[in-house]
């Protein structure tokens, strides 16, 4: 078997732990929940202003960003060692 064929058989990519996968699922579910509250259900709601304090929205985005960063930090490279 050639070196190229051996490399093709080895797994490569990123591995996500079960815990990190659960964290991503929670973030996804919470984003869908927020979207459900924000989408207008009626034409009247569509034209109504949605008022929210900037600091609260900023905290929300920061929280999601930090949680996603935790998952990305937990990713492990699964592949042949780099030869660089």
N, C-alpha and C. Protein backbone atom coordinates (compact mmCIF):
# COMPACT_ATOMS: atom_id res chain seq x y z
N UNK A 1 0.85 -1.17 0.00
CA UNK A 1 0.00 0.00 0.00
C UNK A 1 0.91 1.24 0.00
N UNK A 2 0.57 2.19 -0.84
CA UNK A 2 1.38 3.40 -0.92
C UNK A 2 1.10 4.32 0.25
N UNK A 3 2.00 5.28 0.44
CA UNK A 3 1.82 6.27 1.50
C UNK A 3 0.53 7.06 1.29
N UNK A 4 0.22 7.36 0.04
CA UNK A 4 -0.99 8.10 -0.30
C UNK A 4 -2.24 7.30 0.09
N UNK A 5 -2.24 6.02 -0.21
CA UNK A 5 -3.39 5.16 0.12
C UNK A 5 -3.54 5.03 1.63
N UNK A 6 -2.42 4.92 2.36
CA UNK A 6 -2.48 4.83 3.81
C UNK A 6 -3.05 6.11 4.41
N UNK A 7 -2.63 7.25 3.89
CA UNK A 7 -3.13 8.54 4.39
C UNK A 7 -4.62 8.67 4.15
N UNK A 8 -5.09 8.15 3.01
CA UNK A 8 -6.52 8.24 2.68
C UNK A 8 -7.36 7.40 3.63
N UNK A 9 -6.81 6.33 4.16
CA UNK A 9 -7.55 5.46 5.07
C UNK A 9 -7.63 6.01 6.48
N UNK A 10 -6.68 6.85 6.85
CA UNK A 10 -6.67 7.40 8.20
C UNK A 10 -7.75 8.47 8.32
N UNK A 11 -8.44 8.49 9.47
CA UNK A 11 -9.45 9.53 9.65
C UNK A 11 -8.77 10.90 9.73
N UNK A 12 -9.41 11.89 9.18
CA UNK A 12 -8.89 13.24 9.27
C UNK A 12 -10.07 14.20 9.40
N UNK A 13 -9.84 15.25 10.13
CA UNK A 13 -10.89 16.22 10.40
C UNK A 13 -10.87 16.55 11.88
N UNK A 14 -11.98 17.05 12.37
CA UNK A 14 -12.08 17.43 13.77
C UNK A 14 -13.01 16.48 14.50
N UNK A 15 -12.65 16.16 15.73
CA UNK A 15 -13.49 15.33 16.58
C UNK A 15 -14.18 16.22 17.61
N UNK A 16 -15.46 15.99 17.80
CA UNK A 16 -16.24 16.76 18.75
C UNK A 16 -16.70 15.81 19.85
N UNK A 17 -16.36 16.16 21.08
CA UNK A 17 -16.76 15.30 22.20
C UNK A 17 -18.28 15.33 22.35
N UNK A 18 -18.80 14.35 23.03
CA UNK A 18 -20.25 14.28 23.26
C UNK A 18 -20.73 15.49 24.05
N UNK A 19 -19.93 15.93 25.03
CA UNK A 19 -20.27 17.11 25.83
C UNK A 19 -20.33 18.37 24.96
N UNK A 20 -19.33 18.53 24.10
CA UNK A 20 -19.31 19.70 23.22
C UNK A 20 -20.48 19.65 22.23
N UNK A 21 -20.82 18.47 21.78
CA UNK A 21 -21.97 18.32 20.87
C UNK A 21 -23.26 18.74 21.57
N UNK A 22 -23.40 18.35 22.83
CA UNK A 22 -24.58 18.74 23.61
C UNK A 22 -24.63 20.25 23.79
N UNK A 23 -23.47 20.88 24.02
CA UNK A 23 -23.42 22.33 24.15
C UNK A 23 -23.89 23.00 22.86
N UNK A 24 -23.43 22.50 21.73
CA UNK A 24 -23.86 23.06 20.45
C UNK A 24 -25.36 22.88 20.24
N UNK A 25 -25.88 21.72 20.62
CA UNK A 25 -27.31 21.48 20.49
C UNK A 25 -28.11 22.44 21.35
N UNK A 26 -27.63 22.75 22.55
CA UNK A 26 -28.32 23.70 23.43
C UNK A 26 -28.32 25.10 22.84
N UNK A 27 -27.17 25.51 22.29
CA UNK A 27 -27.10 26.83 21.66
C UNK A 27 -28.07 26.88 20.48
N UNK A 28 -28.07 25.83 19.65
CA UNK A 28 -28.99 25.77 18.51
C UNK A 28 -30.44 25.88 18.97
N UNK A 29 -30.81 25.10 19.97
CA UNK A 29 -32.19 25.10 20.44
C UNK A 29 -32.59 26.46 21.00
N UNK A 30 -31.67 27.10 21.72
CA UNK A 30 -31.97 28.42 22.28
C UNK A 30 -32.11 29.47 21.18
N UNK A 31 -31.29 29.38 20.14
CA UNK A 31 -31.43 30.31 19.02
C UNK A 31 -32.76 30.11 18.31
N UNK A 32 -33.19 28.87 18.13
CA UNK A 32 -34.50 28.61 17.53
C UNK A 32 -35.62 29.15 18.41
N UNK A 33 -35.48 29.01 19.72
CA UNK A 33 -36.48 29.52 20.66
C UNK A 33 -36.58 31.04 20.55
N UNK A 34 -35.44 31.71 20.53
CA UNK A 34 -35.43 33.17 20.40
C UNK A 34 -36.05 33.58 19.07
N UNK A 35 -35.72 32.86 18.01
CA UNK A 35 -36.30 33.17 16.70
C UNK A 35 -37.82 33.05 16.74
N UNK A 36 -38.32 32.06 17.46
CA UNK A 36 -39.76 31.88 17.57
C UNK A 36 -40.45 33.05 18.25
N UNK A 37 -39.77 33.68 19.21
CA UNK A 37 -40.33 34.85 19.89
C UNK A 37 -40.26 36.09 19.00
N UNK A 38 -39.24 36.19 18.19
CA UNK A 38 -39.02 37.39 17.40
C UNK A 38 -39.87 37.40 16.13
N UNK A 39 -40.07 36.26 15.49
CA UNK A 39 -40.88 36.22 14.27
C UNK A 39 -42.30 36.71 14.57
N UNK A 40 -42.81 37.50 13.67
CA UNK A 40 -44.16 38.02 13.82
C UNK A 40 -45.18 36.93 13.48
N UNK A 41 -46.23 36.85 14.29
CA UNK A 41 -47.28 35.86 14.04
C UNK A 41 -48.44 36.48 13.26
N UNK A 42 -48.55 37.80 13.34
CA UNK A 42 -49.63 38.49 12.64
C UNK A 42 -49.06 39.66 11.85
N UNK A 43 -49.86 40.22 10.95
CA UNK A 43 -49.45 41.38 10.18
C UNK A 43 -49.24 42.58 11.10
N UNK A 44 -50.08 42.68 12.11
CA UNK A 44 -49.94 43.78 13.08
C UNK A 44 -48.60 43.68 13.81
N UNK A 45 -48.23 42.47 14.22
CA UNK A 45 -46.93 42.29 14.88
C UNK A 45 -45.78 42.59 13.92
N UNK A 46 -45.97 42.28 12.65
CA UNK A 46 -44.93 42.51 11.65
C UNK A 46 -44.55 43.99 11.56
N UNK A 47 -45.55 44.85 11.75
CA UNK A 47 -45.31 46.29 11.64
C UNK A 47 -45.01 46.96 12.98
N UNK A 48 -45.09 46.20 14.05
CA UNK A 48 -44.80 46.76 15.38
C UNK A 48 -43.30 46.74 15.64
N UNK A 49 -42.82 47.78 16.31
CA UNK A 49 -41.41 47.83 16.68
C UNK A 49 -41.13 46.82 17.79
N UNK A 50 -39.98 46.21 17.73
CA UNK A 50 -39.54 45.31 18.79
C UNK A 50 -38.52 46.08 19.62
N UNK A 51 -38.85 46.34 20.86
CA UNK A 51 -37.96 47.13 21.70
C UNK A 51 -37.16 46.21 22.62
N UNK A 52 -35.86 46.43 22.60
CA UNK A 52 -34.97 45.67 23.47
C UNK A 52 -33.78 46.56 23.79
N UNK A 53 -33.32 46.48 25.01
CA UNK A 53 -32.16 47.28 25.40
C UNK A 53 -30.91 46.74 24.73
N UNK A 54 -30.08 47.66 24.25
CA UNK A 54 -28.85 47.27 23.56
C UNK A 54 -27.96 46.39 24.43
N UNK A 55 -27.85 46.74 25.70
CA UNK A 55 -26.97 45.98 26.60
C UNK A 55 -27.45 44.53 26.75
N UNK A 56 -28.77 44.34 26.78
CA UNK A 56 -29.29 42.98 26.89
C UNK A 56 -29.00 42.18 25.62
N UNK A 57 -29.17 42.81 24.48
CA UNK A 57 -28.89 42.13 23.22
C UNK A 57 -27.39 41.83 23.11
N UNK A 58 -26.56 42.76 23.53
CA UNK A 58 -25.12 42.55 23.52
C UNK A 58 -24.71 41.40 24.42
N UNK A 59 -25.32 41.33 25.60
CA UNK A 59 -25.02 40.23 26.53
C UNK A 59 -25.44 38.89 25.94
N UNK A 60 -26.57 38.88 25.26
CA UNK A 60 -27.06 37.65 24.63
C UNK A 60 -26.08 37.16 23.58
N UNK A 61 -25.66 38.06 22.69
CA UNK A 61 -24.71 37.67 21.65
C UNK A 61 -23.37 37.26 22.25
N UNK A 62 -22.93 37.97 23.27
CA UNK A 62 -21.67 37.63 23.91
C UNK A 62 -21.75 36.23 24.53
N UNK A 63 -22.87 35.93 25.17
CA UNK A 63 -23.06 34.62 25.79
C UNK A 63 -22.99 33.52 24.74
N UNK A 64 -23.67 33.69 23.62
CA UNK A 64 -23.62 32.68 22.57
C UNK A 64 -22.21 32.56 22.01
N UNK A 65 -21.56 33.69 21.82
CA UNK A 65 -20.19 33.66 21.31
C UNK A 65 -19.24 32.92 22.23
N UNK A 66 -19.35 33.17 23.52
CA UNK A 66 -18.48 32.50 24.48
C UNK A 66 -18.74 30.99 24.53
N UNK A 67 -20.01 30.61 24.45
CA UNK A 67 -20.34 29.19 24.49
C UNK A 67 -19.86 28.47 23.24
N UNK A 68 -19.99 29.12 22.10
CA UNK A 68 -19.50 28.52 20.86
C UNK A 68 -17.98 28.45 20.89
N UNK A 69 -17.34 29.47 21.45
CA UNK A 69 -15.88 29.46 21.59
C UNK A 69 -15.41 28.28 22.44
N UNK A 70 -16.15 27.96 23.50
CA UNK A 70 -15.82 26.80 24.33
C UNK A 70 -15.82 25.52 23.51
N UNK A 71 -16.83 25.38 22.67
CA UNK A 71 -16.93 24.18 21.83
C UNK A 71 -15.78 24.13 20.84
N UNK A 72 -15.49 25.26 20.20
CA UNK A 72 -14.40 25.29 19.23
C UNK A 72 -13.06 24.98 19.89
N UNK A 73 -12.88 25.45 21.11
CA UNK A 73 -11.65 25.18 21.84
C UNK A 73 -11.52 23.69 22.17
N UNK A 74 -12.66 23.03 22.36
CA UNK A 74 -12.66 21.61 22.71
C UNK A 74 -12.44 20.70 21.51
N UNK A 75 -12.52 21.25 20.29
CA UNK A 75 -12.33 20.42 19.09
C UNK A 75 -10.92 19.84 19.06
N UNK A 76 -10.83 18.62 18.64
CA UNK A 76 -9.53 17.96 18.51
C UNK A 76 -9.32 17.58 17.05
N UNK A 77 -8.11 17.81 16.55
CA UNK A 77 -7.77 17.43 15.18
C UNK A 77 -7.52 15.94 15.14
N UNK A 78 -8.17 15.26 14.24
CA UNK A 78 -7.98 13.83 14.07
C UNK A 78 -7.48 13.58 12.66
N UNK A 79 -6.24 13.42 12.55
CA UNK A 79 -5.66 13.18 11.25
C UNK A 79 -4.18 12.89 11.37
N UNK A 80 -3.56 12.67 10.26
CA UNK A 80 -2.14 12.38 10.30
C UNK A 80 -1.38 13.59 10.82
N UNK A 81 -0.30 13.37 11.53
CA UNK A 81 0.47 14.49 12.05
C UNK A 81 0.99 15.37 10.91
N UNK A 82 1.01 16.65 11.17
CA UNK A 82 1.48 17.60 10.16
C UNK A 82 2.97 17.43 9.94
N UNK A 83 3.38 17.52 8.70
CA UNK A 83 4.81 17.36 8.37
C UNK A 83 5.46 18.71 8.12
N UNK A 84 4.76 19.80 8.44
CA UNK A 84 5.32 21.13 8.22
C UNK A 84 6.30 21.50 9.29
